[in-house]
Amino acid sequence: MENKIKFVIIGAGHIGKRHATMIQENQEAELVALIDILPQEKLSIEHFEVPFFNSIADLLASNIEFDIASICTPNGLHAEQSIQILSENKHVVCEKPMGLSKDNCERVIFKSLQMSKHVFCVMQNRYSPPSTWIKSVVEDQILGEIYMVQINCYWNRDDRYYKDGNWKGTKGLDGGTLFTQFSHFIDIMYWLFGDIKNIQGKFADFNHKDTTDFEDSGFVNFDFVQGGMGSLNYSTAIANRNLESSMTIIGEKGSVKIGGQYMNEVEICEIENYEMPDLAPTNPGNDYGSYKGSAANHHFVIQNVVDTLKGKNTATTNALEGLKVVEIIERIYKIRDEQYNAQ
């Protein structure tokens, strides 16, 4: 097909390889290069059969033509690398989180506006059938006034995940449990119900004191700016395997619970004068070796990027929404840090 959108991937770990695979399976996209600081022979990427570079500078010096770069590196590098690509007058696909501070996200947005380029934030859970369904239920006010929303995220992340010398678990490159594990679910909450205020929380580090620089568990409660109250309960101290990611919504006209390990099943739908439609099956979680993560919907993300750059659609998750998720996490972590400093 003519006029394929040319992608480069920055970061060739598990998630970078997933991007690369989805790009190569898309008939309107073309993978033209991979970049990683590790030697190529340690990455198992030979089957992609594209040029490989050890730095963004080396890529740019090669004069390979590309339209957009997927940033799939450790969290703490996302903002600076996004700005570096935008400065070259190229578009960006940025894995979550967009940055580790509101300030860094604002710098990315400023550069994207300055260069008139897109920044696509990867929040693929929006594409799961339960997510698209509950979005329409909330927008059409089928539940009426929203009273309460509870999100529970209970996952396993142990020594198999936090390995010595890895970026995961470090404050500078990982950022924290809410950034790396659970930002997808904060994004779904913001997407459905908007911003929050009056945040309170309690935090603990039960079994990661020797492996991470931050908490592994928290109870957080708040009010929604648009009305109603909510809570987020999360932990990575779960034994053996992921337990659940769920969202319970109590509304004026009924109740909904979306559960499963990855918020992938509608477990309860009891709404006045409403019959729930049949939903398509949800894709399984992404396989990251010993772990599974959020729903495997990256093909939808890549298609949205292609369609947007070809003028056929708009970005599913724009840079402002990416910033808002980071800002909400930053505000929650301000409460955590105040508590720790007081101890």
Protein backbone atom coordinates (compact mmCIF):
# COMPACT_ATOMS: atom_id res chain seq x y z
CA MET A 1 0.00 0.00 0.00
CA GLU A 2 1.27 3.47 -0.88
CA ASN A 3 1.96 6.07 1.80
CA LYS A 4 2.58 3.70 4.65
CA ILE A 5 3.20 5.37 8.02
CA LYS A 6 6.86 4.73 8.88
CA PHE A 7 7.58 3.83 12.52
CA VAL A 8 10.74 3.51 14.56
CA ILE A 9 10.73 1.82 17.97
CA ILE A 10 12.82 3.27 20.79
CA GLY A 11 13.27 0.55 23.40
CA ALA A 12 13.23 -3.08 22.25
CA GLY A 13 12.09 -4.83 25.43
CA HIS A 14 8.80 -6.72 25.85
CA ILE A 15 6.58 -3.75 25.10
CA GLY A 16 8.76 -2.45 22.25
CA LYS A 17 8.61 -5.85 20.57
CA ARG A 18 4.83 -5.83 20.93
CA HIS A 19 4.68 -2.44 19.18
CA ALA A 20 6.98 -3.74 16.45
CA THR A 21 4.83 -6.82 15.88
CA MET A 22 1.62 -4.81 15.68
CA ILE A 23 3.23 -2.39 13.23
CA GLN A 24 4.42 -5.17 10.96
CA GLU A 25 0.96 -6.75 11.00
CA ASN A 26 -0.68 -3.47 9.93
CA GLN A 27 -0.85 -3.12 6.14
CA GLU A 28 -0.79 0.68 6.37
CA ALA A 29 2.28 0.84 8.62
CA GLU A 30 5.96 0.05 8.15
CA LEU A 31 8.63 -0.63 10.76
CA VAL A 32 11.87 1.01 9.58
CA ALA A 33 14.20 0.82 12.61
CA LEU A 34 14.68 -0.41 16.18
CA ILE A 35 16.73 1.35 18.87
CA ASP A 36 18.01 0.03 22.19
CA ILE A 37 21.05 0.61 24.37
CA LEU A 38 21.63 -3.16 24.68
CA PRO A 39 23.52 -5.09 21.99
CA GLN A 40 21.27 -6.46 19.28
CA GLU A 41 22.24 -10.07 20.02
CA LYS A 42 20.80 -9.79 23.55
CA LEU A 43 17.35 -8.63 22.40
CA SER A 44 16.00 -11.46 20.20
CA ILE A 45 14.86 -9.03 17.51
CA GLU A 46 16.49 -10.53 14.41
CA HIS A 47 13.15 -11.60 12.96
CA PHE A 48 12.05 -7.98 12.54
CA GLU A 49 14.74 -7.56 9.84
CA VAL A 50 15.12 -3.77 10.11
CA PRO A 51 18.15 -1.56 10.83
CA PHE A 52 19.19 -1.46 14.49
CA PHE A 53 20.79 1.44 16.39
CA ASN A 54 22.06 1.90 19.95
CA SER A 55 20.90 5.51 20.30
CA ILE A 56 18.49 8.07 18.93
CA ALA A 57 21.49 10.09 17.77
CA ASP A 58 22.71 7.16 15.68
CA LEU A 59 19.26 6.79 14.13
CA LEU A 60 19.11 10.47 13.21
CA ALA A 61 22.62 10.37 11.77
CA SER A 62 21.58 7.51 9.47
CA ASN A 63 19.03 9.74 7.70
CA ILE A 64 16.47 6.93 7.66
CA GLU A 65 13.10 8.43 6.83
CA PHE A 66 10.36 7.96 9.41
CA ASP A 67 7.10 9.63 10.43
CA ILE A 68 6.71 8.63 14.05
CA ALA A 69 8.61 7.06 16.94
CA SER A 70 7.16 4.72 19.58
CA ILE A 71 8.75 5.46 22.96
CA CYS A 72 8.95 2.12 24.80
CA THR A 73 11.80 2.85 27.21
CA PRO A 74 11.77 3.10 31.04
CA ASN A 75 9.20 5.58 32.38
CA GLY A 76 11.70 8.20 33.47
CA LEU A 77 12.99 8.60 29.89
CA HIS A 78 9.63 9.08 28.16
CA ALA A 79 9.35 12.87 28.38
CA GLU A 80 12.91 13.74 27.31
CA GLN A 81 12.90 11.25 24.44
CA SER A 82 9.48 12.47 23.28
CA ILE A 83 10.81 16.03 23.20
CA GLN A 84 13.91 14.85 21.30
CA ILE A 85 11.76 13.21 18.60
CA LEU A 86 9.31 16.11 18.41
CA SER A 87 12.27 18.46 17.94
CA GLU A 88 13.06 16.51 14.76
CA ASN A 89 9.57 17.39 13.47
CA LYS A 90 8.29 13.83 13.95
CA HIS A 91 5.19 12.47 15.71
CA VAL A 92 5.37 10.43 18.93
CA VAL A 93 3.61 7.38 20.35
CA CYS A 94 4.42 7.37 24.07
CA GLU A 95 3.88 4.36 26.30
CA LYS A 96 2.40 5.10 29.70
CA PRO A 97 3.18 7.16 31.62
CA MET A 98 3.78 10.21 29.45
CA GLY A 99 6.21 11.44 32.10
CA LEU A 100 6.84 11.24 35.82
CA SER A 101 5.69 14.79 36.57
CA LYS A 102 3.11 17.26 35.33
CA ASP A 103 5.94 19.67 34.52
CA ASN A 104 7.64 17.19 32.18
CA CYS A 105 4.34 16.41 30.47
CA GLU A 106 3.68 20.12 29.94
CA ARG A 107 7.08 20.42 28.26
CA VAL A 108 6.16 17.60 25.88
CA ILE A 109 2.83 19.25 25.06
CA PHE A 110 4.50 22.62 24.50
CA LYS A 111 7.00 21.08 22.07
CA SER A 112 4.24 19.18 20.22
CA LEU A 113 2.27 22.41 19.78
CA GLN A 114 5.38 24.29 18.74
CA MET A 115 6.15 21.67 16.06
CA SER A 116 2.48 20.95 15.16
CA LYS A 117 3.00 17.23 15.77
CA HIS A 118 0.88 14.57 17.47
CA VAL A 119 1.66 12.86 20.76
CA PHE A 120 -0.33 9.63 21.12
CA CYS A 121 -0.47 8.24 24.66
CA VAL A 122 -0.83 4.47 24.89
CA MET A 123 -3.83 3.61 27.06
CA GLN A 124 -4.95 0.45 25.31
CA ASN A 125 -7.44 -0.60 28.01
CA ARG A 126 -9.86 1.94 26.56
CA TYR A 127 -10.33 -0.44 23.63
CA SER A 128 -11.51 -3.47 25.62
CA PRO A 129 -15.21 -4.31 25.06
CA PRO A 130 -16.18 -3.69 28.73
CA SER A 131 -14.45 -0.28 28.60
CA THR A 132 -16.15 0.89 25.40
CA TRP A 133 -19.49 -0.38 26.74
CA ILE A 134 -19.25 1.35 30.15
CA LYS A 135 -18.10 4.56 28.44
CA SER A 136 -21.39 4.68 26.49
CA VAL A 137 -23.40 3.80 29.63
CA VAL A 138 -21.85 6.70 31.58
CA GLU A 139 -21.96 9.22 28.71
CA ASP A 140 -25.62 8.41 27.96
CA GLN A 141 -26.41 8.76 31.70
CA ILE A 142 -28.00 5.30 31.77
CA LEU A 143 -26.84 4.94 35.39
CA GLY A 144 -28.17 8.39 36.24
CA GLU A 145 -26.27 10.32 38.87
CA ILE A 146 -23.03 8.63 39.89
CA TYR A 147 -22.83 8.07 43.63
CA MET A 148 -19.74 5.93 44.23
CA VAL A 149 -16.89 4.40 42.24
CA GLN A 150 -14.47 1.86 43.69
CA ILE A 151 -11.40 0.60 41.83
CA ASN A 152 -9.46 -2.40 43.16
CA CYS A 153 -6.10 -3.35 41.63
CA TYR A 154 -4.41 -6.33 43.26
CA TRP A 155 -1.43 -7.73 41.35
CA ASN A 156 1.63 -9.85 42.03
CA ARG A 157 5.04 -8.30 41.47
CA ASP A 158 7.80 -10.15 43.32
CA ASP A 159 11.50 -10.93 42.94
CA ARG A 160 10.88 -12.43 39.49
CA TYR A 161 9.85 -8.97 38.34
CA TYR A 162 12.21 -6.72 40.32
CA LYS A 163 15.63 -8.02 39.33
CA ASP A 164 18.96 -6.55 40.43
CA GLY A 165 20.25 -3.96 37.99
CA ASN A 166 16.85 -3.45 36.34
CA TRP A 167 15.16 -0.05 36.06
CA LYS A 168 11.93 -1.41 37.55
CA GLY A 169 11.52 -0.42 41.16
CA THR A 170 13.76 2.65 40.95
CA LYS A 171 12.33 6.06 41.78
CA GLY A 172 14.01 7.82 38.84
CA LEU A 173 13.13 5.40 36.02
CA ASP A 174 10.09 3.52 37.33
CA GLY A 175 8.47 6.25 39.42
CA GLY A 176 6.13 4.14 41.50
CA THR A 177 3.46 1.46 41.55
CA LEU A 178 0.72 3.76 40.29
CA PHE A 179 2.84 4.86 37.31
CA THR A 180 4.02 1.43 36.17
CA GLN A 181 1.29 -1.01 37.19
CA PHE A 182 -1.95 0.87 37.59
CA SER A 183 -1.96 4.05 35.49
CA HIS A 184 -4.19 2.29 32.92
CA PHE A 185 -6.96 2.02 35.49
CA ILE A 186 -6.56 5.61 36.68
CA ASP A 187 -6.86 6.57 33.01
CA ILE A 188 -10.13 4.61 32.68
CA MET A 189 -11.44 6.34 35.81
CA TYR A 190 -10.52 9.79 34.49
CA TRP A 191 -11.90 8.95 31.03
CA LEU A 192 -15.25 7.99 32.56
CA PHE A 193 -15.70 10.34 35.50
CA GLY A 194 -13.27 13.24 35.13
CA ASP A 195 -10.91 14.83 37.62
CA ILE A 196 -10.76 14.26 41.38
CA LYS A 197 -10.33 16.44 44.47
CA ASN A 198 -10.14 16.14 48.29
CA ILE A 199 -7.65 13.28 48.07
CA GLN A 200 -6.86 11.27 51.20
CA GLY A 201 -4.77 8.15 51.44
CA LYS A 202 -2.91 5.55 53.45
CA PHE A 203 0.14 3.75 52.07
CA ALA A 204 2.38 0.85 53.03
CA ASP A 205 5.36 -1.15 51.76
CA PHE A 206 4.61 -4.70 52.87
CA ASN A 207 7.11 -6.91 51.04
CA HIS A 208 9.13 -4.76 48.62
CA LYS A 209 11.46 -2.96 51.03
CA ASP A 210 14.51 -4.69 49.50
CA THR A 211 13.41 -4.44 45.85
CA THR A 212 11.78 -1.03 45.26
CA ASP A 213 12.21 2.61 46.26
CA PHE A 214 8.49 3.13 46.97
CA GLU A 215 5.26 1.75 48.42
CA ASP A 216 3.61 -1.42 47.16
CA SER A 217 0.08 -0.79 48.51
CA GLY A 218 -2.39 1.99 49.15
CA PHE A 219 -5.95 2.96 50.06
CA VAL A 220 -6.91 6.26 48.38
CA ASN A 221 -10.26 8.05 48.57
CA PHE A 222 -11.47 11.25 46.95
CA ASP A 223 -14.39 13.19 45.49
CA PHE A 224 -15.05 13.59 41.79
CA VAL A 225 -15.16 17.19 40.59
CA GLN A 226 -18.30 16.35 38.60
CA GLY A 227 -20.02 14.73 41.61
CA GLY A 228 -19.87 11.50 43.56
CA MET A 229 -17.05 9.94 45.55
CA GLY A 230 -14.48 7.32 44.73
CA SER A 231 -11.73 5.10 46.04
CA LEU A 232 -8.67 3.36 44.64
CA ASN A 233 -7.30 0.36 46.51
CA TYR A 234 -4.13 -1.17 45.10
CA SER A 235 -1.29 -3.54 45.88
CA THR A 236 1.54 -5.45 44.22
CA ALA A 237 2.07 -7.54 47.38
CA ILE A 238 -0.31 -10.29 46.22
CA ALA A 239 1.13 -13.81 46.45
CA ASN A 240 1.88 -15.89 43.35
CA ARG A 241 -0.27 -14.23 40.65
CA ASN A 242 -2.49 -11.29 39.80
CA LEU A 243 -5.77 -11.34 41.74
CA GLU A 244 -7.99 -8.73 40.12
CA SER A 245 -8.46 -5.32 38.56
CA SER A 246 -12.05 -4.27 39.11
CA MET A 247 -14.32 -1.24 39.04
CA THR A 248 -17.64 -1.05 40.88
CA ILE A 249 -20.00 1.82 40.01
CA ILE A 250 -23.01 2.67 42.19
CA GLY A 251 -25.43 5.00 40.44
CA GLU A 252 -28.89 6.48 40.84
CA LYS A 253 -30.46 3.89 38.54
CA GLY A 254 -28.35 0.82 39.21
CA SER A 255 -24.97 -0.80 39.73
CA VAL A 256 -22.19 -2.21 37.55
CA LYS A 257 -19.10 -4.22 38.40
CA ILE A 258 -16.37 -4.86 35.83
CA GLY A 259 -13.83 -7.37 37.11
CA GLY A 260 -11.40 -10.09 36.12
CA GLN A 261 -7.62 -9.84 36.33
CA TYR A 262 -7.51 -6.92 33.87
CA MET A 263 -10.94 -5.28 34.20
CA ASN A 264 -11.99 -7.50 31.32
CA GLU A 265 -15.32 -9.01 32.46
CA VAL A 266 -18.68 -7.45 33.25
CA GLU A 267 -19.58 -9.35 36.43
CA ILE A 268 -22.68 -7.39 37.47
CA CYS A 269 -25.03 -5.16 35.47
CA GLU A 270 -28.23 -4.26 37.26
CA ILE A 271 -29.67 -1.07 35.78
CA GLU A 272 -33.28 0.04 35.82
CA ASN A 273 -35.10 -0.68 32.52
CA TYR A 274 -31.86 -1.65 30.76
CA GLU A 275 -30.81 -4.84 29.04
CA MET A 276 -27.07 -5.27 28.61
CA PRO A 277 -25.90 -6.12 25.06
CA ASP A 278 -23.63 -9.07 24.29
CA LEU A 279 -20.00 -7.92 24.29
CA ALA A 280 -17.18 -9.24 22.16
CA PRO A 281 -14.57 -11.38 23.99
CA THR A 282 -11.77 -9.44 25.65
CA ASN A 283 -8.19 -10.08 24.59
CA PRO A 284 -5.99 -11.75 27.24
CA GLY A 285 -3.38 -9.79 29.15
CA ASN A 286 -0.05 -8.95 27.54
CA ASP A 287 2.51 -11.67 28.27
CA TYR A 288 5.69 -10.24 29.82
CA GLY A 289 7.53 -13.44 30.60
CA SER A 290 6.54 -14.48 34.15
CA TYR A 291 3.89 -11.77 34.22
CA LYS A 292 0.82 -10.61 32.44
CA GLY A 293 -0.12 -6.96 32.24
CA SER A 294 -2.95 -4.92 30.81
CA ALA A 295 -5.21 -6.07 27.99
CA ALA A 296 -3.45 -6.85 24.70
CA ASN A 297 -5.01 -4.15 22.55
CA HIS A 298 -1.95 -2.51 21.00
CA HIS A 299 -3.17 -3.28 17.47
CA PHE A 300 -6.03 -0.84 18.10
CA VAL A 301 -3.52 1.78 19.23
CA ILE A 302 -1.40 1.42 16.09
CA GLN A 303 -4.48 1.53 13.84
CA ASN A 304 -5.67 4.71 15.58
CA VAL A 305 -2.24 6.30 15.01
CA VAL A 306 -2.33 5.36 11.31
CA ASP A 307 -5.90 6.59 10.86
CA THR A 308 -5.19 9.87 12.67
CA LEU A 309 -2.06 10.65 10.65
CA LYS A 310 -4.00 9.87 7.47
CA GLY A 311 -6.81 12.23 8.51
CA LYS A 312 -9.40 9.50 8.97
CA ASN A 313 -9.76 9.70 12.77
CA THR A 314 -8.65 11.55 15.89
CA ALA A 315 -6.33 10.38 18.66
CA THR A 316 -8.02 8.06 21.16
CA THR A 317 -5.82 9.28 24.02
CA ASN A 318 -4.34 12.71 23.47
CA ALA A 319 -1.44 14.36 25.25
CA LEU A 320 -3.65 16.40 27.59
CA GLU A 321 -5.32 13.22 28.85
CA GLY A 322 -1.89 11.65 29.31
CA LEU A 323 -0.87 14.68 31.37
CA LYS A 324 -4.02 14.49 33.53
CA VAL A 325 -3.33 10.87 34.49
CA VAL A 326 0.22 11.82 35.53
CA GLU A 327 -1.07 14.83 37.45
CA ILE A 328 -3.60 12.71 39.38
CA ILE A 329 -0.86 10.22 40.32
CA GLU A 330 1.45 13.07 41.31
CA ARG A 331 -1.23 14.49 43.61
CA ILE A 332 -1.83 11.09 45.21
CA TYR A 333 1.90 10.63 45.73
CA LYS A 334 2.15 14.06 47.33
CA ILE A 335 -0.14 12.74 50.08
CA ARG A 336 2.05 9.61 50.36
CA ASP A 337 5.27 11.65 50.61
CA GLU A 338 3.78 13.95 53.26
CA GLN A 339 2.89 10.91 55.35
CA TYR A 340 6.35 9.36 54.98
CA ASN A 341 8.06 12.65 55.85
CA ALA A 342 5.93 12.94 58.98
CA GLN A 343 7.01 9.52 60.26
